[in-house]
Protein backbone atom coordinates (compact mmCIF):
# COMPACT_ATOMS: atom_id res chain seq x y z
CA MET A 1 0.75 7.29 -0.49
CA GLY A 2 4.23 8.90 -0.72
CA VAL A 3 4.79 9.15 -4.48
CA ILE A 4 8.54 9.78 -4.67
CA ALA A 5 9.31 7.46 -1.75
CA SER A 6 7.21 4.66 -3.22
CA VAL A 7 8.75 5.05 -6.67
CA SER A 8 12.21 5.01 -5.09
CA SER A 9 11.33 1.85 -3.15
CA THR A 10 9.93 -0.10 -6.08
CA LEU A 11 12.01 1.01 -9.07
CA SER A 12 13.62 -2.43 -9.27
CA PHE A 13 10.31 -4.01 -10.35
CA GLY A 14 10.21 -1.96 -13.53
CA LEU A 15 13.95 -2.16 -14.21
CA VAL A 16 14.04 -5.95 -13.90
CA ASN A 17 10.75 -6.63 -15.66
CA GLY A 18 11.01 -4.61 -18.86
CA GLY A 19 13.63 -1.93 -18.38
CA HIS A 20 12.42 1.43 -19.73
CA VAL A 21 9.08 0.00 -20.87
CA GLY A 22 8.62 -1.68 -17.49
CA MET A 23 9.25 1.60 -15.68
CA VAL A 24 7.03 3.83 -17.82
CA PHE A 25 4.20 1.63 -19.06
CA GLY A 26 4.39 -0.88 -16.23
CA TRP A 27 3.19 2.06 -14.14
CA LEU A 28 0.65 3.57 -16.54
CA VAL A 29 -1.38 0.42 -17.30
CA PRO A 30 -2.27 -0.55 -13.70
CA CYS A 31 -2.96 3.10 -12.79
CA PHE A 32 -5.71 3.15 -15.42
CA PHE A 33 -7.46 0.13 -13.92
CA VAL A 34 -6.98 1.19 -10.30
CA MET A 35 -9.07 4.30 -11.03
CA PHE A 36 -12.09 2.01 -11.53
CA ILE A 37 -11.50 0.55 -8.07
CA ALA A 38 -11.06 4.00 -6.53
CA LEU A 39 -14.32 5.25 -8.05
CA SER A 40 -16.23 2.24 -6.75
CA MET A 41 -14.72 2.59 -3.28
CA ALA A 42 -15.44 6.32 -3.23
CA GLU A 43 -19.13 5.61 -3.83
CA LEU A 44 -19.20 3.14 -0.93
CA ALA A 45 -17.29 5.51 1.38
CA SER A 46 -19.73 8.32 0.62
CA SER A 47 -22.68 6.07 1.42
CA MET A 48 -21.28 4.46 4.58
CA PRO A 49 -18.49 6.46 6.29
CA THR A 50 -17.22 4.28 9.16
CA SER A 51 -13.83 3.19 10.51
CA ALA A 52 -14.82 -0.43 9.80
CA GLY A 53 -14.79 0.56 6.15
CA LEU A 54 -14.62 -2.28 3.68
CA TYR A 55 -15.81 -5.15 5.86
CA TYR A 56 -18.75 -3.01 6.98
CA PHE A 57 -19.59 -2.37 3.31
CA ALA A 58 -19.42 -6.11 2.60
CA ALA A 59 -21.74 -6.91 5.51
CA LYS A 60 -24.35 -4.39 4.39
CA LEU A 61 -24.31 -5.36 0.71
CA ALA A 62 -24.20 -9.16 1.02
CA PRO A 63 -27.36 -11.31 1.20
CA GLU A 64 -28.45 -11.41 4.84
CA ARG A 65 -27.58 -15.10 5.19
CA TYR A 66 -23.98 -14.54 4.07
CA SER A 67 -23.45 -11.12 5.61
CA PRO A 68 -21.24 -12.30 8.52
CA LEU A 69 -19.10 -14.48 6.22
CA ALA A 70 -18.58 -11.66 3.72
CA SER A 71 -17.62 -9.35 6.55
CA TRP A 72 -15.25 -11.96 8.04
CA ILE A 73 -13.42 -12.57 4.74
CA THR A 74 -13.10 -8.87 3.94
CA GLY A 75 -11.95 -7.95 7.42
CA TRP A 76 -9.21 -10.55 7.62
CA ALA A 77 -7.97 -9.72 4.11
CA ASN A 78 -7.84 -6.03 4.96
CA VAL A 79 -6.05 -6.52 8.29
CA THR A 80 -3.47 -8.72 6.53
CA GLY A 81 -2.88 -6.14 3.82
CA GLN A 82 -2.75 -3.22 6.25
CA VAL A 83 -0.19 -4.81 8.59
CA THR A 84 2.10 -6.07 5.82
CA LEU A 85 1.91 -2.64 4.16
CA VAL A 86 3.14 -1.00 7.38
CA CYS A 87 6.02 -3.47 7.44
CA GLY A 88 6.79 -2.98 3.75
CA ILE A 89 6.93 0.81 4.00
CA ASP A 90 9.13 0.77 7.09
CA TYR A 91 11.33 -1.97 5.61
CA THR A 92 12.01 0.13 2.51
CA CYS A 93 12.55 3.16 4.75
CA ALA A 94 15.24 1.11 6.53
CA GLN A 95 16.72 0.24 3.12
CA MET A 96 16.78 3.94 2.25
CA ILE A 97 18.73 4.66 5.42
CA THR A 98 21.23 1.87 4.68
CA THR A 99 21.58 3.19 1.12
CA ALA A 100 22.40 6.66 2.48
CA ILE A 101 24.97 5.16 4.87
CA THR A 102 26.65 3.24 2.04
CA VAL A 103 26.82 6.32 -0.21
CA GLY A 104 27.92 8.59 2.65
CA THR A 105 30.83 6.29 3.48
CA ASP A 106 31.76 5.76 -0.19
CA GLY A 107 30.88 2.07 0.06
CA ARG A 108 33.03 1.34 3.10
CA THR A 109 30.00 0.57 5.29
CA ILE A 110 27.41 -1.93 4.06
CA ILE A 111 24.65 -2.77 6.52
CA SER A 112 23.78 -6.45 6.88
CA ALA A 113 20.28 -7.93 6.84
CA GLY A 114 20.39 -8.05 10.64
CA GLY A 115 21.33 -4.38 10.84
CA THR A 116 18.52 -3.49 8.44
CA TYR A 117 16.06 -5.40 10.62
CA GLY A 118 17.33 -3.47 13.67
CA ILE A 119 16.63 -0.18 11.86
CA LEU A 120 13.19 -1.52 10.92
CA LEU A 121 12.40 -2.24 14.58
CA ALA A 122 13.54 1.26 15.58
CA LEU A 123 11.28 2.81 12.92
CA LEU A 124 8.31 0.71 14.01
CA ILE A 125 8.75 1.76 17.64
CA CYS A 126 8.98 5.43 16.60
CA HIS A 127 5.78 5.09 14.62
CA GLY A 128 4.08 3.30 17.51
CA LEU A 129 4.88 6.22 19.81
CA LEU A 130 3.89 8.83 17.23
CA CYS A 131 0.62 7.16 16.29
CA SER A 132 -0.40 6.79 19.93
CA SER A 133 -0.93 10.57 19.94
CA GLY A 134 -4.27 12.34 19.73
CA THR A 135 -6.15 12.94 16.48
CA LYS A 136 -5.19 16.64 16.35
CA VAL A 137 -1.49 15.79 16.40
CA LEU A 138 -1.93 13.28 13.59
CA ALA A 139 -3.97 15.81 11.58
CA ARG A 140 -1.15 18.37 11.83
CA LEU A 141 1.30 15.71 10.67
CA ASN A 142 -0.81 15.14 7.55
CA LEU A 143 -0.86 18.87 6.79
CA ILE A 144 2.94 18.80 6.66
CA TYR A 145 3.01 15.50 4.79
CA ALA A 146 1.09 16.54 1.66
CA PRO A 147 3.25 19.54 0.59
CA LEU A 148 6.43 17.69 1.60
CA THR A 149 5.53 14.72 -0.61
CA ILE A 150 4.55 16.80 -3.63
CA GLY A 151 7.50 19.20 -3.21
CA THR A 152 10.07 16.40 -2.96
CA THR A 153 8.54 14.63 -5.96
CA MET A 154 8.71 17.78 -8.10
CA ALA A 155 12.29 18.42 -6.95
CA ALA A 156 13.28 14.88 -7.98
CA ILE A 157 11.67 15.23 -11.43
CA VAL A 158 13.31 18.59 -12.17
CA SER A 159 16.74 17.62 -10.84
CA LEU A 160 16.84 14.38 -12.84
CA LEU A 161 15.78 16.08 -16.08
CA VAL A 162 18.15 19.04 -15.66
CA LEU A 163 21.25 17.36 -14.24
CA SER A 164 21.14 14.30 -16.50
CA LYS A 165 21.76 16.48 -19.57
CA GLY A 166 24.47 14.88 -21.67
CA ASN A 167 23.96 11.50 -20.00
CA ARG A 168 20.43 10.60 -21.00
CA ALA A 169 18.62 7.86 -22.79
CA THR A 170 17.14 8.93 -26.12
CA THR A 171 13.40 9.56 -26.33
CA LYS A 172 12.97 6.32 -28.27
CA GLU A 173 14.92 4.35 -25.64
CA ALA A 174 13.11 6.01 -22.72
CA PHE A 175 9.70 4.93 -24.00
CA THR A 176 10.26 1.84 -26.14
CA SER A 177 13.39 -0.01 -24.97
CA PHE A 178 12.41 -3.37 -23.45
CA GLU A 179 14.88 -5.41 -21.40
CA ASN A 180 14.00 -8.70 -19.75
CA ASN A 181 16.25 -9.07 -16.70
CA SER A 182 13.86 -11.39 -14.85
CA GLY A 183 13.99 -15.14 -14.60
CA TRP A 184 11.04 -15.54 -16.98
CA SER A 185 11.46 -16.24 -20.69
CA ASN A 186 8.05 -14.86 -21.73
CA ASN A 187 8.29 -11.09 -22.25
CA VAL A 188 4.55 -10.47 -21.87
CA TRP A 189 4.48 -12.20 -18.49
CA THR A 190 7.62 -10.32 -17.49
CA PHE A 191 5.87 -7.03 -18.31
CA PHE A 192 2.92 -8.06 -16.14
CA LEU A 193 5.29 -8.45 -13.18
CA SER A 194 6.35 -4.82 -13.57
CA PHE A 195 2.83 -3.84 -12.46
CA THR A 196 3.87 -4.63 -8.87
CA ALA A 197 5.43 -1.18 -8.42
CA ALA A 198 2.27 0.76 -9.22
CA MET A 199 -0.01 -1.66 -7.39
CA TRP A 200 2.07 -1.42 -4.19
CA THR A 201 2.15 2.38 -4.41
CA LEU A 202 -1.57 2.64 -5.15
CA THR A 203 -2.66 1.05 -1.89
CA GLY A 204 -3.85 2.53 1.35
CA TYR A 205 -6.32 4.99 -0.15
CA ASP A 206 -9.01 3.16 1.81
CA SER A 207 -7.56 5.01 4.82
CA ALA A 208 -10.08 7.73 4.00
CA CYS A 209 -12.75 5.23 5.05
CA HIS A 210 -10.97 4.11 8.21
CA VAL A 211 -10.46 7.61 9.65
CA SER A 212 -13.90 8.85 8.58
CA GLU A 213 -15.21 8.65 12.16
CA GLU A 214 -12.55 11.23 13.04
CA THR A 215 -13.28 13.42 10.00
CA ALA A 216 -15.68 16.33 9.50
CA ASN A 217 -18.20 16.01 6.64
CA ALA A 218 -16.91 12.50 5.89
CA GLN A 219 -19.60 11.70 3.27
CA LYS A 220 -17.98 14.24 0.96
CA ALA A 221 -14.42 14.34 2.29
CA ALA A 222 -13.77 10.58 2.13
CA PRO A 223 -14.68 10.03 -1.56
CA ALA A 224 -12.83 13.22 -2.55
CA ALA A 225 -9.72 12.03 -0.70
CA ILE A 226 -9.84 8.60 -2.37
CA ILE A 227 -10.23 9.89 -5.93
CA LEU A 228 -7.81 12.81 -5.67
CA SER A 229 -5.09 10.79 -3.93
CA VAL A 230 -5.17 8.07 -6.60
CA MET A 231 -5.20 10.60 -9.46
CA LEU A 232 -2.35 12.67 -8.04
CA THR A 233 -0.25 9.65 -7.10
CA ALA A 234 -0.74 8.06 -10.52
CA SER A 235 0.10 11.28 -12.39
CA LEU A 236 3.10 12.35 -10.31
CA GLY A 237 4.44 8.80 -10.22
CA TRP A 238 4.30 8.52 -14.01
CA LEU A 239 6.07 11.85 -14.50
CA THR A 240 8.74 10.77 -12.02
CA LEU A 241 9.33 7.48 -13.83
CA ILE A 242 9.55 9.24 -17.20
CA ALA A 243 12.27 11.46 -15.71
CA VAL A 244 14.02 8.39 -14.27
CA SER A 245 13.79 6.62 -17.64
CA PHE A 246 15.52 9.54 -19.39
CA ALA A 247 18.13 9.69 -16.61
CA THR A 248 18.97 5.97 -17.01
CA PRO A 249 20.98 5.42 -20.19
CA SER A 250 21.99 1.94 -19.02
CA VAL A 251 19.54 -0.25 -17.12
CA SER A 252 22.14 -2.98 -16.58
CA ASP A 253 24.54 -0.54 -14.88
CA VAL A 254 21.88 0.54 -12.40
CA LEU A 255 20.87 -3.07 -11.66
CA SER A 256 24.49 -4.02 -11.02
CA SER A 257 24.76 -1.43 -8.22
CA ASP A 258 25.69 -2.59 -4.71
CA LEU A 259 23.18 -0.16 -3.18
CA PRO A 260 20.07 -1.76 -1.59
CA LEU A 261 17.77 0.40 -3.73
CA PRO A 262 18.56 1.04 -7.44
CA MET A 263 16.94 4.51 -7.29
CA GLY A 264 19.82 5.58 -5.05
CA GLN A 265 22.23 4.74 -7.85
CA VAL A 266 20.17 6.74 -10.37
CA PHE A 267 20.38 9.83 -8.15
CA LEU A 268 24.07 9.22 -7.47
CA ASN A 269 24.87 8.93 -11.19
CA ASN A 270 23.07 12.17 -12.05
CA LEU A 271 23.29 14.38 -8.95
CA GLY A 272 26.62 13.33 -7.46
CA LYS A 273 27.18 12.34 -3.85
CA SER A 274 26.11 15.62 -2.20
CA GLY A 275 23.05 16.12 -4.39
CA MET A 276 22.01 12.50 -3.99
CA LEU A 277 22.26 12.61 -0.19
CA ALA A 278 20.33 15.90 -0.04
CA ILE A 279 17.31 14.68 -2.00
CA TRP A 280 17.59 11.17 -0.55
CA GLY A 281 17.31 12.64 2.95
CA ALA A 282 14.04 14.34 1.97
CA ILE A 283 12.76 11.07 0.48
CA ILE A 284 13.55 9.25 3.73
CA VAL A 285 11.46 11.82 5.61
CA VAL A 286 8.59 11.34 3.14
CA GLN A 287 8.76 7.56 3.61
CA PHE A 288 8.88 7.94 7.39
CA VAL A 289 5.73 10.06 7.40
CA THR A 290 4.07 7.74 4.87
CA ALA A 291 4.65 4.86 7.28
CA ALA A 292 3.18 6.92 10.12
CA ALA A 293 0.04 7.59 8.09
CA GLN A 294 -0.24 3.91 7.20
CA THR A 295 0.22 2.88 10.84
CA VAL A 296 -2.73 5.10 11.76
CA ASP A 297 -4.80 3.54 9.00
CA ALA A 298 -3.90 -0.03 9.95
CA SER A 299 -4.53 0.58 13.64
CA ARG A 300 -8.03 1.89 12.89
CA VAL A 301 -8.80 -1.27 10.92
CA VAL A 302 -7.51 -3.44 13.78
CA PHE A 303 -9.56 -1.40 16.26
CA ALA A 304 -12.75 -1.67 14.22
CA PHE A 305 -12.35 -5.40 13.65
CA ALA A 306 -11.59 -5.95 17.34
CA ARG A 307 -14.58 -3.78 18.27
CA ASP A 308 -16.65 -6.44 16.53
CA ASN A 309 -14.79 -9.15 18.50
CA ALA A 310 -13.24 -10.68 15.38
CA LEU A 311 -9.58 -10.76 16.49
CA PRO A 312 -7.94 -12.97 19.11
CA GLY A 313 -7.73 -10.86 22.27
CA SER A 314 -10.24 -8.35 20.93
CA PHE A 315 -11.02 -7.08 24.45
CA ILE A 316 -7.47 -5.66 24.54
CA TRP A 317 -7.22 -4.19 21.04
CA LYS A 318 -10.61 -2.44 21.08
CA ARG A 319 -9.84 -0.29 24.11
CA ILE A 320 -9.72 3.49 23.62
CA ASN A 321 -7.06 5.40 25.55
CA THR A 322 -8.81 7.79 27.93
CA HIS A 323 -6.16 10.49 27.49
CA THR A 324 -5.70 10.58 23.70
CA GLN A 325 -9.16 9.19 22.80
CA THR A 326 -7.43 6.97 20.20
CA PRO A 327 -7.00 3.16 19.99
CA VAL A 328 -3.46 3.01 21.36
CA ASN A 329 -3.53 -0.76 21.96
CA ALA A 330 -4.48 -1.33 18.32
CA VAL A 331 -1.49 0.77 17.29
CA TRP A 332 0.89 -1.51 19.18
CA PHE A 333 -0.82 -4.64 17.83
CA THR A 334 -0.07 -3.29 14.35
CA VAL A 335 3.54 -2.48 15.22
CA GLY A 336 4.11 -5.91 16.80
CA ALA A 337 2.59 -7.82 13.88
CA ALA A 338 4.61 -5.74 11.40
CA ALA A 339 7.80 -6.55 13.33
CA ILE A 340 7.08 -10.27 12.92
CA CYS A 341 6.46 -9.85 9.18
CA GLY A 342 9.76 -7.95 9.01
CA LEU A 343 11.62 -11.21 9.56
CA LEU A 344 11.13 -11.73 5.83
CA GLY A 345 13.91 -9.16 5.47
CA PHE A 346 16.39 -11.97 5.92
CA SER A 347 15.26 -13.51 2.61
CA GLU A 348 16.40 -12.43 -0.87
CA THR A 349 12.85 -11.64 -1.97
CA ALA A 350 11.69 -9.62 1.05
CA LEU A 351 10.26 -6.69 -0.90
CA ILE A 352 8.49 -8.91 -3.44
CA SER A 353 6.93 -10.93 -0.61
CA LEU A 354 5.85 -7.90 1.43
CA ALA A 355 4.57 -5.99 -1.59
CA GLY A 356 2.67 -9.03 -2.85
CA SER A 357 1.13 -9.76 0.55
CA SER A 358 -0.06 -6.20 1.10
CA VAL A 359 -1.46 -5.76 -2.40
CA ILE A 360 -3.21 -9.14 -2.41
CA GLY A 361 -4.69 -8.67 1.05
CA LEU A 362 -5.85 -5.11 0.46
CA TYR A 363 -7.19 -5.59 -3.04
CA ILE A 364 -9.17 -8.70 -2.08
CA SER A 365 -10.76 -6.60 0.65
CA TYR A 366 -11.46 -3.89 -1.95
CA ALA A 367 -12.95 -6.33 -4.45
CA VAL A 368 -15.39 -8.18 -2.16
CA PRO A 369 -17.67 -5.21 -1.34
CA ILE A 370 -17.40 -3.92 -4.92
CA PHE A 371 -18.43 -7.35 -6.23
CA LEU A 372 -21.37 -7.36 -3.82
CA ARG A 373 -22.27 -3.82 -4.90
CA VAL A 374 -22.72 -4.93 -8.51
CA THR A 375 -24.53 -8.18 -7.63
CA SER A 376 -26.63 -8.70 -4.51
CA GLY A 377 -26.21 -5.15 -3.22
CA ARG A 378 -27.59 -3.20 -6.18
CA SER A 379 -30.83 -2.43 -4.43
CA LYS A 380 -29.33 -2.18 -0.94
CA LEU A 381 -26.98 0.76 -1.39
CA ILE A 382 -28.31 4.09 -0.22
CA PRO A 383 -26.23 6.58 -2.24
CA GLY A 384 -24.34 9.34 -0.48
CA PRO A 385 -23.41 12.71 -1.97
CA PHE A 386 -21.06 10.94 -4.39
CA GLY A 387 -22.60 8.21 -6.54
CA LEU A 388 -21.83 6.49 -9.85
CA GLY A 389 -25.41 6.01 -10.98
CA ARG A 390 -25.80 3.73 -13.99
CA LEU A 391 -22.04 3.50 -14.38
CA ALA A 392 -21.65 1.69 -11.03
CA VAL A 393 -22.10 -1.80 -12.50
CA PRO A 394 -19.69 -1.55 -15.49
CA ILE A 395 -17.08 0.30 -13.40
CA GLY A 396 -17.40 -2.23 -10.57
CA THR A 397 -17.19 -5.18 -12.98
CA ILE A 398 -13.92 -3.90 -14.50
CA ALA A 399 -12.57 -3.24 -10.98
CA VAL A 400 -13.24 -6.80 -9.79
CA ALA A 401 -11.84 -8.35 -13.00
CA TRP A 402 -8.62 -6.36 -12.57
CA VAL A 403 -8.22 -7.49 -8.96
CA ILE A 404 -8.60 -11.16 -9.95
CA PHE A 405 -5.94 -10.71 -12.61
CA ILE A 406 -3.43 -8.86 -10.42
CA VAL A 407 -3.80 -11.28 -7.49
CA ILE A 408 -2.87 -14.17 -9.79
CA VAL A 409 0.16 -12.26 -11.09
CA LEU A 410 1.43 -11.34 -7.63
CA LEU A 411 1.34 -14.91 -6.35
CA PHE A 412 4.02 -15.95 -8.84
CA PRO A 413 7.77 -15.94 -8.00
CA PRO A 414 10.21 -13.54 -9.71
CA GLY A 415 11.64 -16.33 -11.90
CA GLN A 416 10.81 -19.73 -13.35
CA HIS A 417 13.47 -21.61 -11.40
CA ILE A 418 13.28 -20.98 -7.68
CA ASN A 419 14.65 -22.20 -4.37
CA ASP A 420 13.90 -21.28 -0.78
CA GLU A 421 15.81 -17.98 -1.11
CA ASP A 422 14.06 -16.85 -4.30
CA MET A 423 10.54 -17.91 -3.33
CA ASN A 424 7.73 -15.38 -3.22
CA TYR A 425 6.65 -15.71 0.42
CA ALA A 426 3.43 -13.78 -0.23
CA VAL A 427 1.90 -17.21 -0.89
CA VAL A 428 2.91 -18.34 2.60
CA ILE A 429 1.57 -15.24 4.35
CA ILE A 430 -1.73 -15.15 2.47
CA MET A 431 -2.34 -18.88 2.84
CA ALA A 432 -1.45 -18.86 6.55
CA VAL A 433 -3.97 -16.10 7.25
CA PHE A 434 -6.55 -17.73 4.97
CA LEU A 435 -6.22 -21.08 6.73
CA PHE A 436 -6.39 -19.49 10.18
CA ALA A 437 -9.44 -17.42 9.26
CA THR A 438 -11.13 -20.42 7.63
CA LEU A 439 -10.52 -22.75 10.57
CA SER A 440 -11.66 -20.05 13.01
CA TRP A 441 -14.84 -19.56 11.00
CA VAL A 442 -15.67 -23.25 10.65
CA THR A 443 -14.91 -24.22 14.26
CA SER A 444 -16.12 -21.17 16.10
CA ALA A 445 -16.79 -17.77 14.52
CA ARG A 446 -19.75 -18.85 12.39
CA LYS A 447 -21.64 -19.52 15.62
CA TRP A 448 -21.18 -16.07 17.15
CA PHE A 449 -19.76 -13.56 14.62
CA ILE A 450 -22.59 -11.44 13.28
CA GLY A 451 -20.57 -8.78 11.46
CA PRO A 452 -20.27 -5.12 12.49
CA VAL A 453 -21.75 -4.55 15.94
CA ARG A 454 -23.90 -1.53 16.72
CA THR A 455 -22.18 0.64 19.31
CA ILE A 456 -24.49 3.67 19.08
CA ASP A 457 -28.21 3.55 19.72
CA ASP A 458 -30.63 5.11 17.27
CA VAL A 459 -31.70 8.62 18.18
CA VAL A 460 -35.44 8.63 18.82
CA ALA A 461 -37.23 11.87 18.12
CA PRO A 462 -39.33 13.17 21.02
CA LYS A 463 -43.07 12.70 20.70
């Protein structure tokens, strides 16, 4: 989930929509509610560890008559969120690289939108090659990734607090100063829009479900991974943003920077050119590995959905490579689809559109099985080692209510007065997929799609 890289990518959401308050409390509030979703998902992952994950959960918990439809909706929402999340992470990684180039050349070299898209394509190809490797290689990558992420995050927090001495915001300003730099006149609504940063960062923890078929003791490991990753990301992210808030005496100065990512300007102001480039290089590595982890996750979702014949060309995407024993074709489907989504990089609101699309797609896919868990699936769930007991219904209800609220927020544009350049294209992406999935269901899929397909026969005990 790449704490420091995600915070660096999305700092603009808090700065624009609330200033110091948007940074600090625009992170804390959604983190509180996301924990309810994580707890509910952890219970489902413990009960049903499978790479199909969420759409498998939906199929098992829905009334039998609506099981295929619930699975279809959840699967398409999750695939949409997963692919756009890959694109969003690699797009911001490309922006980090262009930021480093601009700082390294003292502003003499500014990469165009076309150049940024070229870097995005190069990153996607690198991740396609890397994620086509065997499971053991990917596991070793994750072992490096965790300490690198936490170490870089701690280094950023300490360096900002220490080196900003004499050029800090006061404690009162850091926690209570509210600045509305958005295009909305209502301050409460503006504050809601700052939630985008935390919501985009706190995605992808369902990957623990999707790689469970490649994980030992998944009934315990998957729920532990979901809960711990959300808790650590939420905590470290909040501490990082508090440090950034103190290190930002003037929000308007940071927002007026020519750098693609405002966080680069914060580091430059406090650490100087050499210090900024040193820690920025580490953040780029964190974001690169984050994107690799997300590409693995997304490819497993594509593979599982194709295994159930739900994607166009499923016979291609569900093939397992005989050498690596991984779904290599699904990896390249993910990379190709992300490259198409990356064309949004030529718009002014690329990050808003990509972040909105990934959060909406993923959180709808999170909410459907949780909703079914607290309604029709109460008596259907066979608890695993981790269960919520009597708390499952109230926790699940809060989780679903939060998703409904945040989806509505993320469909809105960044300002009241918009044109084609300022539009939030998340609406276009989500509606396009929704219409395609709906038409496919009505005209064809409802006649043959039965939900997750059994690929392993039951083991019959000898008589």
